[in-house]
Every structure is written in structure tokens, then in C-alpha cells.
N, C-alpha and C. Protein backbone atom coordinates (compact mmCIF):
# COMPACT_ATOMS: atom_id res chain seq x y z
N MET A 1 -45.32 -6.41 -8.37
CA MET A 1 -45.56 -7.58 -7.60
C MET A 1 -45.41 -8.79 -8.53
N THR A 2 -44.63 -9.77 -8.13
CA THR A 2 -44.43 -10.97 -8.92
C THR A 2 -44.94 -12.19 -8.15
N ALA A 3 -45.46 -13.10 -8.88
CA ALA A 3 -45.96 -14.34 -8.27
C ALA A 3 -45.27 -15.52 -8.95
N THR A 4 -44.90 -16.50 -8.17
CA THR A 4 -44.29 -17.70 -8.71
C THR A 4 -45.34 -18.80 -8.81
N ILE A 5 -45.50 -19.34 -10.01
CA ILE A 5 -46.47 -20.41 -10.23
C ILE A 5 -45.70 -21.69 -10.55
N GLU A 6 -46.04 -22.75 -9.83
CA GLU A 6 -45.37 -24.02 -10.08
C GLU A 6 -45.81 -24.58 -11.43
N THR A 7 -44.94 -25.34 -12.04
CA THR A 7 -45.25 -25.97 -13.31
C THR A 7 -46.36 -27.00 -13.10
N PRO A 8 -47.43 -26.91 -13.90
CA PRO A 8 -48.51 -27.88 -13.72
C PRO A 8 -48.07 -29.27 -14.17
N ARG A 9 -48.59 -30.25 -13.48
CA ARG A 9 -48.33 -31.65 -13.79
C ARG A 9 -46.85 -31.96 -13.92
N SER A 10 -46.09 -31.45 -13.00
CA SER A 10 -44.66 -31.74 -13.03
C SER A 10 -44.46 -33.22 -12.74
N PRO A 11 -43.51 -33.85 -13.40
CA PRO A 11 -43.33 -35.30 -13.22
C PRO A 11 -42.88 -35.63 -11.81
N ARG A 12 -43.30 -36.81 -11.37
CA ARG A 12 -42.85 -37.28 -10.06
C ARG A 12 -41.36 -37.58 -10.16
N THR A 13 -40.65 -37.19 -9.15
CA THR A 13 -39.21 -37.48 -9.14
C THR A 13 -38.92 -38.48 -8.05
N ARG A 14 -37.99 -39.36 -8.34
CA ARG A 14 -37.56 -40.34 -7.35
C ARG A 14 -36.24 -39.87 -6.76
N PRO A 15 -36.15 -39.84 -5.46
CA PRO A 15 -34.87 -39.41 -4.88
C PRO A 15 -33.79 -40.46 -5.15
N HIS A 16 -32.61 -40.00 -5.45
CA HIS A 16 -31.44 -40.84 -5.67
C HIS A 16 -31.56 -41.76 -6.88
N SER A 17 -32.46 -41.47 -7.81
CA SER A 17 -32.62 -42.31 -8.99
C SER A 17 -31.96 -41.61 -10.18
N ARG A 18 -30.95 -42.22 -10.74
CA ARG A 18 -30.25 -41.63 -11.87
C ARG A 18 -30.67 -42.25 -13.19
N VAL A 19 -31.42 -43.36 -13.14
CA VAL A 19 -31.87 -44.04 -14.34
C VAL A 19 -33.28 -43.58 -14.67
N ASN A 20 -33.48 -43.15 -15.90
CA ASN A 20 -34.79 -42.70 -16.35
C ASN A 20 -35.54 -43.91 -16.89
N LEU A 21 -36.36 -44.56 -16.04
CA LEU A 21 -37.06 -45.78 -16.43
C LEU A 21 -38.08 -45.53 -17.53
N GLU A 22 -38.71 -44.37 -17.52
CA GLU A 22 -39.69 -44.06 -18.57
C GLU A 22 -39.01 -43.98 -19.94
N LYS A 23 -37.82 -43.39 -19.99
CA LYS A 23 -37.09 -43.31 -21.25
C LYS A 23 -36.74 -44.70 -21.76
N TRP A 24 -36.25 -45.56 -20.86
CA TRP A 24 -35.86 -46.91 -21.26
C TRP A 24 -37.08 -47.74 -21.62
N GLY A 25 -38.21 -47.51 -20.97
CA GLY A 25 -39.46 -48.18 -21.35
C GLY A 25 -39.90 -47.77 -22.74
N TRP A 26 -39.76 -46.47 -23.05
CA TRP A 26 -40.11 -45.96 -24.37
C TRP A 26 -39.20 -46.58 -25.44
N ILE A 27 -37.91 -46.63 -25.17
CA ILE A 27 -36.97 -47.22 -26.12
C ILE A 27 -37.27 -48.71 -26.30
N TYR A 28 -37.56 -49.41 -25.19
CA TYR A 28 -37.89 -50.84 -25.29
C TYR A 28 -39.11 -51.06 -26.17
N MET A 29 -40.14 -50.23 -26.00
CA MET A 29 -41.36 -50.41 -26.79
C MET A 29 -41.07 -50.28 -28.28
N ARG A 30 -40.23 -49.34 -28.66
CA ARG A 30 -39.91 -49.16 -30.08
C ARG A 30 -39.07 -50.31 -30.61
N ALA A 31 -38.04 -50.70 -29.88
CA ALA A 31 -37.15 -51.77 -30.33
C ALA A 31 -37.88 -53.11 -30.34
N SER A 32 -38.62 -53.42 -29.28
CA SER A 32 -39.32 -54.70 -29.24
C SER A 32 -40.42 -54.74 -30.29
N GLY A 33 -41.03 -53.61 -30.58
CA GLY A 33 -42.06 -53.57 -31.62
C GLY A 33 -41.51 -53.96 -32.98
N VAL A 34 -40.32 -53.46 -33.32
CA VAL A 34 -39.70 -53.81 -34.60
C VAL A 34 -39.36 -55.30 -34.63
N VAL A 35 -38.76 -55.80 -33.57
CA VAL A 35 -38.39 -57.22 -33.52
C VAL A 35 -39.65 -58.09 -33.54
N LEU A 36 -40.70 -57.68 -32.83
CA LEU A 36 -41.94 -58.45 -32.81
C LEU A 36 -42.59 -58.54 -34.19
N VAL A 37 -42.51 -57.48 -34.97
CA VAL A 37 -43.07 -57.53 -36.33
C VAL A 37 -42.38 -58.62 -37.13
N VAL A 38 -41.05 -58.70 -37.05
CA VAL A 38 -40.30 -59.74 -37.77
C VAL A 38 -40.68 -61.12 -37.24
N LEU A 39 -40.71 -61.29 -35.92
CA LEU A 39 -41.03 -62.59 -35.33
C LEU A 39 -42.46 -63.03 -35.67
N ILE A 40 -43.40 -62.12 -35.60
CA ILE A 40 -44.80 -62.47 -35.86
C ILE A 40 -45.01 -62.84 -37.31
N PHE A 41 -44.46 -62.03 -38.23
CA PHE A 41 -44.66 -62.36 -39.65
C PHE A 41 -43.91 -63.63 -40.04
N GLY A 42 -42.76 -63.89 -39.43
CA GLY A 42 -42.07 -65.16 -39.65
C GLY A 42 -42.91 -66.32 -39.14
N HIS A 43 -43.49 -66.16 -37.96
CA HIS A 43 -44.35 -67.19 -37.36
C HIS A 43 -45.56 -67.46 -38.27
N LEU A 44 -46.22 -66.40 -38.72
CA LEU A 44 -47.38 -66.55 -39.58
C LEU A 44 -47.01 -67.18 -40.93
N PHE A 45 -45.88 -66.77 -41.48
CA PHE A 45 -45.46 -67.32 -42.77
C PHE A 45 -45.22 -68.82 -42.67
N VAL A 46 -44.47 -69.24 -41.65
CA VAL A 46 -44.15 -70.66 -41.51
C VAL A 46 -45.40 -71.47 -41.21
N ASN A 47 -46.28 -70.95 -40.37
CA ASN A 47 -47.45 -71.72 -39.97
C ASN A 47 -48.57 -71.71 -41.00
N LEU A 48 -48.72 -70.64 -41.76
CA LEU A 48 -49.90 -70.53 -42.62
C LEU A 48 -49.60 -70.52 -44.12
N VAL A 49 -48.45 -70.00 -44.51
CA VAL A 49 -48.17 -69.86 -45.94
C VAL A 49 -47.31 -71.00 -46.45
N ALA A 50 -46.17 -71.22 -45.84
CA ALA A 50 -45.26 -72.28 -46.27
C ALA A 50 -45.82 -73.61 -45.81
N GLY A 51 -46.05 -74.49 -46.70
CA GLY A 51 -46.61 -75.79 -46.34
C GLY A 51 -48.06 -75.89 -46.77
N GLU A 52 -48.86 -76.58 -45.97
CA GLU A 52 -50.25 -76.86 -46.35
C GLU A 52 -51.25 -75.88 -45.74
N GLY A 53 -50.78 -74.85 -45.09
CA GLY A 53 -51.68 -73.86 -44.53
C GLY A 53 -52.23 -74.26 -43.18
N VAL A 54 -53.35 -73.67 -42.81
CA VAL A 54 -53.90 -73.85 -41.48
C VAL A 54 -54.37 -75.28 -41.23
N LYS A 55 -54.76 -76.00 -42.27
CA LYS A 55 -55.24 -77.38 -42.07
C LYS A 55 -54.13 -78.33 -41.62
N ALA A 56 -52.87 -77.94 -41.80
CA ALA A 56 -51.74 -78.79 -41.40
C ALA A 56 -51.35 -78.59 -39.94
N ILE A 57 -51.90 -77.57 -39.27
CA ILE A 57 -51.51 -77.31 -37.89
C ILE A 57 -52.28 -78.24 -36.97
N ASP A 58 -51.55 -79.18 -36.40
CA ASP A 58 -52.12 -80.11 -35.45
C ASP A 58 -51.06 -80.45 -34.41
N PHE A 59 -51.34 -81.43 -33.58
CA PHE A 59 -50.40 -81.80 -32.52
C PHE A 59 -49.05 -82.18 -33.10
N GLY A 60 -49.03 -82.94 -34.17
CA GLY A 60 -47.78 -83.37 -34.79
C GLY A 60 -46.97 -82.19 -35.32
N PHE A 61 -47.65 -81.22 -35.93
CA PHE A 61 -46.96 -80.03 -36.46
C PHE A 61 -46.31 -79.24 -35.33
N VAL A 62 -47.08 -78.98 -34.29
CA VAL A 62 -46.55 -78.22 -33.16
C VAL A 62 -45.45 -78.99 -32.45
N GLY A 63 -45.65 -80.30 -32.27
CA GLY A 63 -44.64 -81.13 -31.63
C GLY A 63 -43.35 -81.16 -32.42
N GLY A 64 -43.46 -81.29 -33.74
CA GLY A 64 -42.27 -81.29 -34.59
C GLY A 64 -41.55 -79.96 -34.56
N LYS A 65 -42.32 -78.89 -34.54
CA LYS A 65 -41.72 -77.56 -34.50
C LYS A 65 -41.01 -77.32 -33.17
N LEU A 66 -41.65 -77.68 -32.06
CA LEU A 66 -41.05 -77.45 -30.75
C LEU A 66 -39.93 -78.43 -30.40
N SER A 67 -39.71 -79.43 -31.24
CA SER A 67 -38.60 -80.34 -30.99
C SER A 67 -37.29 -79.82 -31.60
N GLN A 68 -37.36 -78.70 -32.31
CA GLN A 68 -36.17 -78.11 -32.94
C GLN A 68 -35.71 -76.90 -32.13
N PRO A 69 -34.42 -76.83 -31.80
CA PRO A 69 -33.92 -75.70 -30.99
C PRO A 69 -34.16 -74.33 -31.62
N PHE A 70 -34.07 -74.24 -32.95
CA PHE A 70 -34.30 -72.95 -33.61
C PHE A 70 -35.68 -72.42 -33.28
N TRP A 71 -36.71 -73.27 -33.39
CA TRP A 71 -38.08 -72.83 -33.14
C TRP A 71 -38.35 -72.62 -31.66
N GLN A 72 -37.65 -73.35 -30.81
CA GLN A 72 -37.78 -73.10 -29.38
C GLN A 72 -37.30 -71.69 -29.05
N ILE A 73 -36.15 -71.30 -29.59
CA ILE A 73 -35.62 -69.96 -29.35
C ILE A 73 -36.53 -68.91 -29.97
N TRP A 74 -37.00 -69.16 -31.20
CA TRP A 74 -37.90 -68.22 -31.90
C TRP A 74 -39.17 -67.99 -31.06
N ASP A 75 -39.80 -69.08 -30.63
CA ASP A 75 -41.03 -68.96 -29.86
C ASP A 75 -40.80 -68.34 -28.48
N THR A 76 -39.63 -68.62 -27.89
CA THR A 76 -39.30 -68.01 -26.60
C THR A 76 -39.14 -66.50 -26.75
N MET A 77 -38.44 -66.08 -27.79
CA MET A 77 -38.29 -64.63 -28.03
C MET A 77 -39.65 -63.98 -28.26
N LEU A 78 -40.49 -64.64 -29.05
CA LEU A 78 -41.82 -64.11 -29.34
C LEU A 78 -42.64 -63.99 -28.05
N LEU A 79 -42.60 -65.02 -27.24
CA LEU A 79 -43.34 -65.02 -25.97
C LEU A 79 -42.85 -63.91 -25.04
N TRP A 80 -41.56 -63.87 -24.79
CA TRP A 80 -41.00 -62.90 -23.84
C TRP A 80 -41.22 -61.47 -24.33
N LEU A 81 -40.87 -61.20 -25.59
CA LEU A 81 -41.01 -59.82 -26.09
C LEU A 81 -42.47 -59.38 -26.09
N ALA A 82 -43.38 -60.26 -26.53
CA ALA A 82 -44.79 -59.88 -26.60
C ALA A 82 -45.37 -59.63 -25.21
N LEU A 83 -45.05 -60.49 -24.25
CA LEU A 83 -45.60 -60.31 -22.90
C LEU A 83 -45.02 -59.07 -22.21
N ILE A 84 -43.73 -58.86 -22.34
CA ILE A 84 -43.13 -57.68 -21.71
C ILE A 84 -43.62 -56.41 -22.40
N HIS A 85 -43.73 -56.45 -23.73
CA HIS A 85 -44.23 -55.31 -24.50
C HIS A 85 -45.67 -54.97 -24.06
N GLY A 86 -46.51 -55.99 -23.97
CA GLY A 86 -47.89 -55.76 -23.55
C GLY A 86 -48.01 -55.28 -22.12
N ALA A 87 -47.22 -55.88 -21.22
CA ALA A 87 -47.27 -55.45 -19.82
C ALA A 87 -46.78 -54.02 -19.66
N ASN A 88 -45.75 -53.65 -20.43
CA ASN A 88 -45.25 -52.28 -20.36
C ASN A 88 -46.30 -51.30 -20.91
N GLY A 89 -47.00 -51.68 -21.95
CA GLY A 89 -48.08 -50.84 -22.46
C GLY A 89 -49.20 -50.68 -21.45
N MET A 90 -49.56 -51.77 -20.78
CA MET A 90 -50.59 -51.69 -19.75
C MET A 90 -50.12 -50.85 -18.56
N ARG A 91 -48.84 -50.94 -18.23
CA ARG A 91 -48.28 -50.12 -17.15
C ARG A 91 -48.41 -48.64 -17.50
N THR A 92 -48.18 -48.32 -18.75
CA THR A 92 -48.32 -46.92 -19.19
C THR A 92 -49.76 -46.45 -19.04
N ILE A 93 -50.71 -47.30 -19.39
CA ILE A 93 -52.13 -46.95 -19.24
C ILE A 93 -52.48 -46.77 -17.76
N VAL A 94 -51.97 -47.67 -16.91
CA VAL A 94 -52.22 -47.54 -15.47
C VAL A 94 -51.65 -46.23 -14.96
N ASN A 95 -50.45 -45.89 -15.36
CA ASN A 95 -49.84 -44.63 -14.92
C ASN A 95 -50.63 -43.42 -15.40
N ASP A 96 -51.25 -43.52 -16.58
CA ASP A 96 -52.01 -42.40 -17.11
C ASP A 96 -53.36 -42.22 -16.41
N TYR A 97 -53.99 -43.32 -16.02
CA TYR A 97 -55.37 -43.23 -15.55
C TYR A 97 -55.57 -43.49 -14.07
N ALA A 98 -54.65 -44.14 -13.41
CA ALA A 98 -54.81 -44.40 -11.97
C ALA A 98 -54.16 -43.27 -11.20
N SER A 99 -54.98 -42.40 -10.65
CA SER A 99 -54.43 -41.23 -9.96
C SER A 99 -54.08 -41.53 -8.50
N ASN A 100 -54.72 -42.51 -7.91
CA ASN A 100 -54.44 -42.88 -6.53
C ASN A 100 -53.16 -43.72 -6.50
N PRO A 101 -52.14 -43.31 -5.73
CA PRO A 101 -50.88 -44.06 -5.70
C PRO A 101 -51.02 -45.51 -5.25
N LEU A 102 -51.92 -45.78 -4.32
CA LEU A 102 -52.11 -47.16 -3.86
C LEU A 102 -52.71 -48.02 -4.96
N VAL A 103 -53.70 -47.50 -5.66
CA VAL A 103 -54.33 -48.24 -6.77
C VAL A 103 -53.30 -48.47 -7.87
N ARG A 104 -52.51 -47.44 -8.15
CA ARG A 104 -51.47 -47.57 -9.18
C ARG A 104 -50.48 -48.67 -8.79
N ARG A 105 -50.08 -48.70 -7.55
CA ARG A 105 -49.13 -49.72 -7.08
C ARG A 105 -49.74 -51.12 -7.16
N ILE A 106 -51.01 -51.26 -6.79
CA ILE A 106 -51.69 -52.56 -6.84
C ILE A 106 -51.80 -53.04 -8.29
N PHE A 107 -52.23 -52.16 -9.20
CA PHE A 107 -52.36 -52.56 -10.61
C PHE A 107 -51.00 -52.90 -11.22
N THR A 108 -50.00 -52.11 -10.91
CA THR A 108 -48.67 -52.37 -11.45
C THR A 108 -48.12 -53.69 -10.91
N GLY A 109 -48.34 -53.97 -9.65
CA GLY A 109 -47.92 -55.25 -9.07
C GLY A 109 -48.66 -56.42 -9.70
N ALA A 110 -49.96 -56.25 -9.96
CA ALA A 110 -50.74 -57.31 -10.60
C ALA A 110 -50.24 -57.56 -12.03
N LEU A 111 -49.90 -56.48 -12.73
CA LEU A 111 -49.34 -56.64 -14.08
C LEU A 111 -48.00 -57.37 -14.04
N LEU A 112 -47.16 -56.99 -13.12
CA LEU A 112 -45.85 -57.64 -12.99
C LEU A 112 -46.01 -59.12 -12.66
N ALA A 113 -46.89 -59.42 -11.71
CA ALA A 113 -47.09 -60.82 -11.30
C ALA A 113 -47.67 -61.66 -12.44
N SER A 114 -48.66 -61.13 -13.13
CA SER A 114 -49.28 -61.90 -14.21
C SER A 114 -48.33 -62.09 -15.38
N ALA A 115 -47.56 -61.06 -15.73
CA ALA A 115 -46.60 -61.20 -16.83
C ALA A 115 -45.51 -62.19 -16.46
N ALA A 116 -45.02 -62.13 -15.22
CA ALA A 116 -43.97 -63.06 -14.79
C ALA A 116 -44.49 -64.50 -14.79
N LEU A 117 -45.70 -64.71 -14.31
CA LEU A 117 -46.28 -66.04 -14.28
C LEU A 117 -46.47 -66.60 -15.69
N LEU A 118 -47.00 -65.78 -16.60
CA LEU A 118 -47.21 -66.24 -17.97
C LEU A 118 -45.89 -66.51 -18.68
N ILE A 119 -44.88 -65.69 -18.43
CA ILE A 119 -43.56 -65.94 -19.03
C ILE A 119 -42.99 -67.25 -18.50
N LEU A 120 -43.10 -67.46 -17.21
CA LEU A 120 -42.58 -68.70 -16.62
C LEU A 120 -43.30 -69.92 -17.18
N LEU A 121 -44.62 -69.92 -17.18
CA LEU A 121 -45.38 -71.06 -17.66
C LEU A 121 -45.16 -71.29 -19.16
N GLY A 122 -45.16 -70.23 -19.95
CA GLY A 122 -44.94 -70.36 -21.38
C GLY A 122 -43.57 -70.91 -21.71
N THR A 123 -42.55 -70.44 -20.99
CA THR A 123 -41.19 -70.93 -21.22
C THR A 123 -41.08 -72.39 -20.82
N LEU A 124 -41.72 -72.77 -19.72
CA LEU A 124 -41.72 -74.18 -19.32
C LEU A 124 -42.37 -75.06 -20.39
N VAL A 125 -43.47 -74.62 -20.95
CA VAL A 125 -44.14 -75.40 -21.99
C VAL A 125 -43.23 -75.54 -23.22
N ILE A 126 -42.59 -74.46 -23.63
CA ILE A 126 -41.74 -74.51 -24.82
C ILE A 126 -40.60 -75.50 -24.64
N TYR A 127 -39.96 -75.50 -23.48
CA TYR A 127 -38.75 -76.31 -23.30
C TYR A 127 -39.00 -77.69 -22.69
N THR A 128 -40.17 -77.94 -22.13
CA THR A 128 -40.41 -79.26 -21.54
C THR A 128 -41.45 -80.05 -22.31
N PHE A 129 -41.99 -79.51 -23.38
CA PHE A 129 -42.99 -80.21 -24.18
C PHE A 129 -42.37 -81.43 -24.82
N ASP A 130 -42.98 -82.58 -24.62
CA ASP A 130 -42.48 -83.83 -25.19
C ASP A 130 -43.57 -84.46 -26.04
N PRO A 131 -43.47 -84.35 -27.36
CA PRO A 131 -44.50 -84.93 -28.22
C PRO A 131 -44.38 -86.45 -28.35
N CYS A 132 -43.29 -87.02 -27.86
CA CYS A 132 -43.06 -88.47 -27.97
C CYS A 132 -42.90 -89.07 -26.57
N PRO A 133 -43.99 -89.14 -25.78
CA PRO A 133 -43.83 -89.70 -24.44
C PRO A 133 -43.48 -91.18 -24.47
N VAL A 134 -42.62 -91.57 -23.56
CA VAL A 134 -42.17 -92.96 -23.48
C VAL A 134 -43.33 -93.85 -23.05
N GLY A 135 -43.47 -94.98 -23.73
CA GLY A 135 -44.50 -95.95 -23.36
C GLY A 135 -45.83 -95.74 -24.06
N SER A 136 -45.93 -94.75 -24.94
CA SER A 136 -47.19 -94.53 -25.65
C SER A 136 -47.30 -95.50 -26.82
N PRO A 137 -48.52 -95.90 -27.17
CA PRO A 137 -48.70 -96.79 -28.33
C PRO A 137 -48.21 -96.10 -29.60
N ALA A 138 -47.55 -96.84 -30.47
CA ALA A 138 -46.94 -96.29 -31.68
C ALA A 138 -47.98 -95.67 -32.60
N ASP A 139 -49.21 -96.20 -32.62
CA ASP A 139 -50.22 -95.64 -33.53
C ASP A 139 -50.75 -94.28 -33.06
N LEU A 140 -50.49 -93.93 -31.81
CA LEU A 140 -50.93 -92.63 -31.30
C LEU A 140 -49.85 -91.55 -31.38
N LEU A 141 -48.61 -91.94 -31.69
CA LEU A 141 -47.50 -90.99 -31.74
C LEU A 141 -47.44 -90.30 -33.10
N PRO A 142 -46.93 -89.06 -33.15
CA PRO A 142 -46.73 -88.39 -34.43
C PRO A 142 -45.72 -89.14 -35.29
N SER A 143 -45.72 -88.87 -36.57
CA SER A 143 -44.87 -89.62 -37.51
C SER A 143 -43.39 -89.42 -37.26
N PHE A 144 -42.97 -88.32 -36.67
CA PHE A 144 -41.54 -88.08 -36.46
C PHE A 144 -40.99 -88.78 -35.23
N CYS A 145 -41.85 -89.38 -34.41
CA CYS A 145 -41.39 -90.08 -33.22
C CYS A 145 -40.89 -91.47 -33.58
N LYS A 146 -39.82 -91.87 -32.91
CA LYS A 146 -39.31 -93.24 -33.09
C LYS A 146 -40.17 -94.17 -32.27
N ALA A 147 -40.53 -95.31 -32.83
CA ALA A 147 -41.35 -96.28 -32.11
C ALA A 147 -40.58 -96.83 -30.92
N SER A 148 -41.23 -96.92 -29.78
CA SER A 148 -40.58 -97.40 -28.57
C SER A 148 -40.52 -98.91 -28.56
């Protein structure tokens, strides 16, 4: 007499899905982690080591940094990679611990919405930040601003 036993905890399969999203999520986590290490240590070096250290970080320092396209791209990459990396990690935790499909869907949707909102707002701040507003008194403007 033979009995057939199903494989325990067999992965959920999606019909008609040829892309393995879990594999690509795993690859993204490894690749973004390496890039994030470089971006974070570069960020820390420029902000804390090169120059006058933490005491030099003020409105003028941030304004001067965000007025340069190189640092705008650097900070945008740091923002996007860190938020997507963190949201993907949280998605993995939700998939591991939320056994109810409805709860899993709600948590995953909340993660997606919050990550998208933070990416949108952060990107807007990086590219629309104006440290030299028109009409401001010259004594209140940072040193790199041209007097109006």
C-alpha cells in the first residue's frame, strides 16, 4: 500500500506568471545593499569627515549641497534605494508572519503606499529646495546666495 503525501509548505504559485518576483527581490536586496554601502559611507564622509565635521552642518551647508546636480543625484539614489530596500525587507517580514491573505494584502498595500509617498515627497524636496528665495533680506541668506 502506498500513500502520497503533499510537500509541506509548498510555495504559492501564481497562474500565468513567468517572472519569479521573489528571486528578483532577493537579487535587488543584494545589489542595492552594495550600492547603499557606497552611498552611505560617501554621504557620511562628506558630511562628517571632510570639512569641519558635524558642527558645519546647517541650513547653508545643506542648501549649498542640494544646489549642485551631483549631490541631488547622489541623494536621490540614496533615498530611492534605501526606501525600496527597506520596503522590500518589510514585505518579506509580512510574507513570513502574516498568514491571513487579507491581512497580508493590507500590510503589503500599506507598505507600497507609504514607500511611494515618501519617495515622492523626498524627491520633491531634493529637486525643489531653494535656499535662496527671491525677496529675502540679504543678511538672512546663506553666503553662496547672490544678493537680490
